[in-house]
Every structure is written in structure tokens, then in C-alpha cells.
């Protein structure tokens, strides 16, 4: 039985609009498709981890509304344990997602709702859950102070600590030193290091810079080029695993992070865990939606075996 994966993050209801292009200011255009579904990076990663076989625990705040019901439904279906604090004043988060019809590329606006009130006091309240974790993982959609306190609590408890620094933001001094793994994409890596990432050599330099800032190792996600694991004593490029035509890339990073955490929690090596995560991401982009696109363990193992 793998040790629990505990995720601090945000749930939002995704409102996804597919169109040929974004409208200009003052312009109205006709879209091709609309979908409403579960999202939020933390919630997506929890669903990805649970579907990949982890004992996943979700820490967040929800409103007392219909979108909170959507969160509980996707978590229950995936097997995520719900540790959400319900806040009656305010609303559960929501996101606007634009999807370019021809490429599946996206642009996103997130309103975290009551999850914007996540606090250091909440981390203390969840202390026993965090203390029992094998892996803890967070992102930057909730307040920075809560994310930093969560990583510090996980580190003190002996858990493997993962920071997915998305959306991009300046980190407090010393925060990366709390991270066994930091998992930016190319633009986030550039924001944290000042190094533009246009290929593997750039990614290695950016990873070295992140390690110099205190991270144990970096995983730079490279879109259609897979991901790079790089740190002291390890440097491994894991390519994308062909799984079918790309439909939507919205949840790919979350799929990778969640499955990577699940694999670490069951004792796989970092390189094996990354290969598992990249395979999960390769499957996710062949499906629409964010949380709903996350792959199940048997699918990941089946594609790996191929």
C-alpha cells in the first residue's frame, strides 16, 4: 500500500469555450463548443493521483454552492479523500478557459473564490493529515503563505515535497529549499530563473539554476517534447508517449504531476515516476476537459507496456 499523497490546492469549475480565436476588445464572435466541468490545478492533480493508484487527500476551501457539489462528485468518483473546509460566505472557484479549435492550445483566467482565503491556520488544522503523508504537493493558485507553510509541514514530517509553480509567481526567499522537486513548464522556468527555455540544453541550465536556489531537483515540462528530470546525480529526458491525436492540452501538466506523485508514493525511482507521469499526460491530451481527462492506472500501465 502506497503512502498517502496529500495535495493542497484549489478546485474551480471550468467553463470551457472552444472557438477559432479569442475575440478582440469590444468584439463578439461565435464559438464552436462549450463545456462546464471540474478543474483547478490542485483538484486536477488530486484526481490524477487517485486515478493513477494513489491514496490521494485533497485540502482546500469550498463554498456552499452547486460548484462545491461538482467538486465532491469528481473526487468521490476518482477515490480522492475530501478534507475541504466549507465556507458559507463567498463562492467556490471558477475558471474561464479558451480553447483554440485548430490546435487545442488554451488561455485561462482563474477566480479561486473562497480558496483564496486558505491560510497558515488552515495548514495547522490539517496538521495530522499532512503528518501522515508520503508525498505532499501544492501549486500557486492559493495564497503563497499557505503553500509555504504546507511545504514546511510536509518537510518536517518527512514527506517528499513537490511544488508545481503555476501560475507563475515570484517565490519567497528559501521556499525552493523546502522542495524535493519543483515542476515548472518552460515559461514558468524562465520566470523563476531568467533563462529562456527553447530546448533541452536550456532546460538543463534552468534546472541547475533552480537547484542553486535550493530545490532538490527540477522537472521541466516541455509540452510535446516530454519532460526533463535534472538535479544532482541525475539528468533524464522522458519523451511523450504517442497515445492518439491531441484534443486538448488543459490538464496535461496536472496529469503529469499527479501521476508522478502517485508513483513516488509507491516507491518508484524518480526517473520511473516521471515516465509514469509523462505517460499519464500523453493520455490526458487525447481527451477533452481537465479533471475528466485524467488517466486511470490500468491505462497508464497499458500504454507503458506498449
Protein backbone atom coordinates (compact mmCIF):
# COMPACT_ATOMS: atom_id res chain seq x y z
CA UNK A 1 0.00 0.00 0.00
CA UNK A 2 1.49 3.34 -1.01
CA UNK A 3 1.82 6.21 1.48
CA UNK A 4 -0.81 8.95 1.11
CA UNK A 5 -0.36 11.78 -1.38
CA UNK A 6 -1.68 14.99 0.21
CA UNK A 7 -2.48 17.89 -2.12
CA UNK A 8 -3.09 21.49 -1.11
CA UNK A 9 -4.77 23.47 -3.85
CA UNK A 10 -7.82 24.92 -5.47
CA UNK A 11 -10.96 23.47 -7.04
CA UNK A 12 -12.66 25.55 -9.72
CA UNK A 13 -15.50 24.85 -12.10
CA UNK A 14 -14.07 25.11 -15.61
CA UNK A 15 -16.16 26.95 -18.19
CA UNK A 16 -14.51 25.98 -21.46
CA UNK A 17 -15.21 27.84 -24.70
CA UNK A 18 -13.85 26.45 -27.97
CA UNK A 19 -13.53 28.90 -30.86
CA UNK A 20 -11.32 29.69 -33.84
CA UNK A 21 -9.66 32.57 -31.95
CA UNK A 22 -10.03 34.88 -28.98
CA UNK A 23 -12.27 37.92 -29.59
CA UNK A 24 -10.71 41.35 -29.69
CA UNK A 25 -11.77 44.03 -27.19
CA UNK A 26 -15.35 45.05 -27.90
CA UNK A 27 -15.90 42.16 -30.31
CA UNK A 28 -18.33 39.24 -30.08
CA UNK A 29 -17.65 36.04 -32.01
CA UNK A 30 -19.47 32.73 -32.30
CA UNK A 31 -17.91 29.75 -30.54
CA UNK A 32 -17.91 26.15 -31.64
CA UNK A 33 -18.41 24.32 -28.30
CA UNK A 34 -18.99 24.95 -24.60
CA UNK A 35 -18.45 22.65 -21.64
CA UNK A 36 -18.77 23.00 -17.88
CA UNK A 37 -16.68 20.64 -15.78
CA UNK A 38 -14.39 20.21 -12.76
CA UNK A 39 -10.96 21.84 -12.70
CA UNK A 40 -8.42 23.74 -10.60
CA UNK A 41 -4.79 22.64 -10.54
CA UNK A 42 -4.83 21.16 -7.04
CA UNK A 43 -8.07 19.28 -7.61
CA UNK A 44 -6.92 18.06 -11.03
CA UNK A 45 -3.68 16.75 -9.51
CA UNK A 46 -5.57 15.00 -6.73
CA UNK A 47 -7.84 13.30 -9.28
CA UNK A 48 -4.82 12.37 -11.41
CA UNK A 49 -3.02 10.89 -8.40
CA UNK A 50 -6.05 8.92 -7.26
CA UNK A 51 -6.82 7.52 -10.72
CA UNK A 52 -3.14 6.57 -11.00
CA UNK A 53 -3.48 4.45 -7.88
CA UNK A 54 -2.59 6.79 -5.00
CA UNK A 55 -4.31 7.28 -1.66
CA UNK A 56 -4.96 10.94 -2.52
CA UNK A 57 -6.14 13.52 0.06
CA UNK A 58 -7.42 16.98 -1.00
CA UNK A 59 -7.00 20.08 1.18
CA UNK A 60 -8.90 23.20 0.07
CA UNK A 61 -11.81 25.53 0.82
CA UNK A 62 -15.20 25.24 -0.91
CA UNK A 63 -18.27 27.44 -0.88
CA UNK A 64 -21.71 26.15 0.00
CA UNK A 65 -22.96 26.01 -3.58
CA UNK A 66 -23.51 23.87 -6.68
CA UNK A 67 -19.88 24.06 -7.78
CA UNK A 68 -18.85 22.52 -4.43
CA UNK A 69 -21.16 19.63 -5.29
CA UNK A 70 -19.31 19.24 -8.57
CA UNK A 71 -16.01 19.02 -6.64
CA UNK A 72 -17.31 16.31 -4.32
CA UNK A 73 -18.72 14.32 -7.24
CA UNK A 74 -15.42 14.18 -9.19
CA UNK A 75 -13.43 13.43 -6.00
CA UNK A 76 -15.77 10.62 -4.97
CA UNK A 77 -15.65 9.10 -8.44
CA UNK A 78 -11.84 9.17 -8.52
CA UNK A 79 -11.37 7.99 -4.93
CA UNK A 80 -9.98 11.26 -3.53
CA UNK A 81 -10.47 11.75 0.23
CA UNK A 82 -12.16 15.11 0.84
CA UNK A 83 -10.70 17.28 3.62
CA UNK A 84 -12.24 20.56 2.36
CA UNK A 85 -13.27 23.33 4.74
CA UNK A 86 -16.73 24.68 3.80
CA UNK A 87 -17.02 28.47 3.84
CA UNK A 88 -20.62 29.64 3.53
CA UNK A 89 -19.76 33.27 2.71
CA UNK A 90 -18.30 33.50 -0.78
CA UNK A 91 -18.23 31.13 -3.73
CA UNK A 92 -16.43 28.06 -4.98
CA UNK A 93 -13.91 29.00 -7.64
CA UNK A 94 -14.46 29.16 -11.37
CA UNK A 95 -12.25 29.45 -14.45
CA UNK A 96 -12.67 30.76 -17.99
CA UNK A 97 -10.84 28.55 -20.48
CA UNK A 98 -10.44 29.49 -24.12
CA UNK A 99 -9.54 26.59 -26.43
CA UNK A 100 -8.25 27.26 -29.91
CA UNK A 101 -10.22 24.99 -32.21
CA UNK A 102 -7.45 24.02 -34.61
CA UNK A 103 -4.65 23.33 -32.09
CA UNK A 104 -6.28 22.63 -28.72
CA UNK A 105 -4.00 25.26 -27.12
CA UNK A 106 -5.52 27.22 -24.24
CA UNK A 107 -5.69 30.54 -22.41
CA UNK A 108 -7.13 30.60 -18.88
CA UNK A 109 -8.46 33.03 -16.25
CA UNK A 110 -8.89 31.59 -12.73
CA UNK A 111 -11.03 33.05 -9.92
CA UNK A 112 -10.25 30.86 -6.87
CA UNK A 113 -13.24 32.05 -4.81
CA UNK A 114 -13.09 31.05 -1.13
CA UNK A 115 -9.89 29.08 -1.76
CA UNK A 116 -8.21 32.49 -1.87
CA UNK A 117 -8.77 32.50 1.93
CA UNK A 118 -6.60 29.41 2.52
CA UNK A 119 -4.30 30.30 5.41
CA UNK A 120 -1.44 29.19 7.61
CA UNK A 121 -4.05 28.46 10.30
CA UNK A 122 -5.74 26.03 7.91
CA UNK A 123 -2.43 24.20 7.47
CA UNK A 124 -2.18 23.79 11.25
CA UNK A 125 -5.77 22.46 11.33
CA UNK A 126 -4.85 19.86 8.70
CA UNK A 127 -1.62 19.00 10.51
CA UNK A 128 -2.45 15.35 11.29
CA UNK A 129 -3.34 14.70 7.63
CA UNK A 130 -0.09 16.26 6.40
CA UNK A 131 1.98 14.47 9.04
CA UNK A 132 0.81 11.10 7.68
CA UNK A 133 1.74 11.83 4.07
CA UNK A 134 4.36 10.10 1.98
CA UNK A 135 4.23 12.86 -0.65
CA UNK A 136 2.88 16.42 -0.36
CA UNK A 137 2.23 18.59 -3.40
CA UNK A 138 0.99 22.12 -3.97
CA UNK A 139 0.80 24.86 -6.59
CA UNK A 140 0.39 28.66 -6.57
CA UNK A 141 -3.34 29.18 -7.15
CA UNK A 142 -3.88 29.62 -3.39
CA UNK A 143 -2.09 32.18 -1.17
CA UNK A 144 1.70 31.86 -1.07
CA UNK A 145 1.86 31.82 2.74
CA UNK A 146 -0.39 28.75 2.90
CA UNK A 147 1.65 26.95 0.23
CA UNK A 148 4.92 27.69 2.02
CA UNK A 149 3.56 26.56 5.40
CA UNK A 150 2.22 23.37 3.79
CA UNK A 151 5.60 22.50 2.26
CA UNK A 152 7.36 23.25 5.56
CA UNK A 153 4.95 20.99 7.47
CA UNK A 154 5.41 18.22 4.92
CA UNK A 155 9.18 18.55 5.03
CA UNK A 156 9.15 18.41 8.85
CA UNK A 157 7.01 15.24 8.69
CA UNK A 158 9.50 13.53 6.36
CA UNK A 159 7.31 13.56 3.24
CA UNK A 160 8.60 14.06 -0.28
CA UNK A 161 7.72 17.66 -1.17
CA UNK A 162 6.65 18.82 -4.65
CA UNK A 163 5.93 22.37 -5.81
CA UNK A 164 4.27 22.91 -9.16
CA UNK A 165 4.94 26.68 -9.50
CA UNK A 166 1.85 27.52 -11.51
CA UNK A 167 0.55 30.02 -12.26
CA UNK A 168 3.94 31.75 -12.43
CA UNK A 169 4.77 33.95 -9.44
CA UNK A 170 7.77 35.25 -7.52
CA UNK A 171 8.66 32.88 -4.69
CA UNK A 172 9.69 33.98 -1.19
CA UNK A 173 13.38 33.50 -0.38
CA UNK A 174 14.01 29.97 0.83
CA UNK A 175 10.79 28.44 -0.48
CA UNK A 176 12.55 26.30 -3.07
CA UNK A 177 14.72 24.86 -0.28
CA UNK A 178 11.53 23.23 1.03
CA UNK A 179 11.06 21.35 -2.26
CA UNK A 180 12.45 17.96 -3.18
CA UNK A 181 11.06 18.57 -6.66
CA UNK A 182 9.96 21.75 -8.43
CA UNK A 183 7.98 21.14 -11.64
CA UNK A 184 7.66 24.26 -13.84
CA UNK A 185 6.82 24.35 -17.53
CA UNK A 186 9.08 26.26 -19.93
CA UNK A 187 7.60 29.71 -19.28
CA UNK A 188 7.44 29.19 -15.51
CA UNK A 189 11.06 28.03 -15.50
CA UNK A 190 12.05 31.20 -17.34
CA UNK A 191 10.09 33.31 -14.84
CA UNK A 192 11.90 31.68 -11.90
CA UNK A 193 15.39 31.69 -13.39
CA UNK A 194 15.55 34.30 -16.17
CA UNK A 195 16.66 31.54 -18.58
CA UNK A 196 14.53 31.22 -21.71
CA UNK A 197 13.83 27.53 -22.32
CA UNK A 198 13.85 26.61 -26.02
CA UNK A 199 15.28 23.11 -25.80
CA UNK A 200 16.93 20.51 -23.58
CA UNK A 201 20.17 22.43 -23.06
CA UNK A 202 18.23 25.49 -21.89
CA UNK A 203 16.08 23.27 -19.67
CA UNK A 204 19.19 21.81 -18.02
CA UNK A 205 20.56 25.28 -17.35
CA UNK A 206 17.23 26.38 -15.86
CA UNK A 207 17.11 23.25 -13.71
CA UNK A 208 20.64 23.93 -12.47
CA UNK A 209 19.55 27.44 -11.52
CA UNK A 210 16.55 26.09 -9.60
CA UNK A 211 18.78 23.63 -7.73
CA UNK A 212 21.15 26.51 -6.95
CA UNK A 213 18.16 28.29 -5.37
CA UNK A 214 17.60 25.32 -3.08
CA UNK A 215 15.40 22.79 -4.89
CA UNK A 216 16.43 19.15 -4.59
CA UNK A 217 15.80 18.57 -8.31
CA UNK A 218 13.75 20.09 -11.12
CA UNK A 219 11.33 18.60 -13.58
CA UNK A 220 10.93 20.95 -16.54
CA UNK A 221 7.84 20.03 -18.56
CA UNK A 222 8.36 20.59 -22.29
CA UNK A 223 4.92 20.14 -23.85
CA UNK A 224 5.08 17.90 -26.91
CA UNK A 225 8.76 17.20 -26.10
CA UNK A 226 8.01 15.45 -22.80
CA UNK A 227 9.86 16.41 -19.62
CA UNK A 228 13.36 16.69 -18.20
CA UNK A 229 14.35 15.49 -14.72
CA UNK A 230 17.59 17.20 -13.71
CA UNK A 231 19.45 17.62 -10.45
CA UNK A 232 22.49 16.42 -8.52
CA UNK A 233 23.42 12.99 -9.84
CA UNK A 234 20.50 12.69 -12.28
CA UNK A 235 19.59 14.01 -15.72
CA UNK A 236 16.95 12.18 -17.72
CA UNK A 237 14.80 13.29 -20.66
CA UNK A 238 11.49 11.42 -20.92
CA UNK A 239 9.74 11.87 -24.30
CA UNK A 240 6.00 11.94 -24.85
CA UNK A 241 4.41 8.51 -25.36
CA UNK A 242 2.21 8.53 -28.51
CA UNK A 243 -1.36 7.91 -27.38
CA UNK A 244 -3.51 9.43 -30.13
CA UNK A 245 -4.45 12.79 -31.68
CA UNK A 246 -4.22 15.83 -29.39
CA UNK A 247 -7.69 17.10 -28.44
CA UNK A 248 -6.93 19.47 -25.53
CA UNK A 249 -3.81 20.27 -23.50
CA UNK A 250 -5.50 21.92 -20.49
CA UNK A 251 -4.88 19.15 -17.95
CA UNK A 252 -1.57 17.76 -19.22
CA UNK A 253 0.68 19.31 -16.58
CA UNK A 254 -1.67 18.32 -13.79
CA UNK A 255 -1.85 14.76 -15.13
CA UNK A 256 1.94 14.54 -15.09
CA UNK A 257 2.28 15.97 -11.58
CA UNK A 258 -0.44 13.81 -10.07
CA UNK A 259 0.77 10.57 -11.60
CA UNK A 260 4.41 11.42 -10.77
CA UNK A 261 3.43 11.93 -7.12
CA UNK A 262 1.47 8.66 -7.10
CA UNK A 263 4.44 6.74 -8.47
CA UNK A 264 6.85 8.28 -5.95
CA UNK A 265 4.45 7.39 -3.13
CA UNK A 266 4.63 3.71 -4.03
CA UNK A 267 8.42 3.72 -4.08
CA UNK A 268 9.31 4.07 -7.76
CA UNK A 269 12.57 5.81 -8.64
CA UNK A 270 12.30 9.46 -9.76
CA UNK A 271 13.01 8.55 -13.39
CA UNK A 272 10.46 5.71 -13.36
CA UNK A 273 7.94 8.01 -11.69
CA UNK A 274 8.48 10.68 -14.33
CA UNK A 275 8.00 8.15 -17.13
CA UNK A 276 4.72 7.14 -15.45
CA UNK A 277 3.71 10.82 -15.19
CA UNK A 278 4.58 11.66 -18.81
CA UNK A 279 2.56 8.64 -19.96
CA UNK A 280 -0.44 9.86 -17.94
CA UNK A 281 -0.08 13.29 -19.54
CA UNK A 282 0.20 11.74 -23.01
CA UNK A 283 -3.17 10.08 -22.44
CA UNK A 284 -4.80 13.19 -20.97
CA UNK A 285 -4.27 15.36 -24.06
CA UNK A 286 -6.26 12.90 -26.21
CA UNK A 287 -9.44 13.80 -24.25
CA UNK A 288 -11.43 16.96 -23.59
CA UNK A 289 -11.64 18.54 -20.16
CA UNK A 290 -9.25 18.87 -17.24
CA UNK A 291 -10.10 16.56 -14.32
CA UNK A 292 -12.22 14.40 -16.59
CA UNK A 293 -9.23 13.75 -18.88
CA UNK A 294 -7.09 12.13 -16.18
CA UNK A 295 -6.00 8.58 -16.98
CA UNK A 296 -6.61 5.52 -14.84
CA UNK A 297 -3.77 3.33 -13.66
CA UNK A 298 -4.56 0.43 -15.98
CA UNK A 299 -4.49 2.77 -18.99
CA UNK A 300 -1.12 4.21 -17.96
CA UNK A 301 0.38 0.78 -17.37
CA UNK A 302 -1.05 -0.49 -20.65
CA UNK A 303 0.49 2.35 -22.67
CA UNK A 304 3.81 1.94 -20.86
CA UNK A 305 3.81 -1.77 -21.67
CA UNK A 306 3.34 -0.96 -25.38
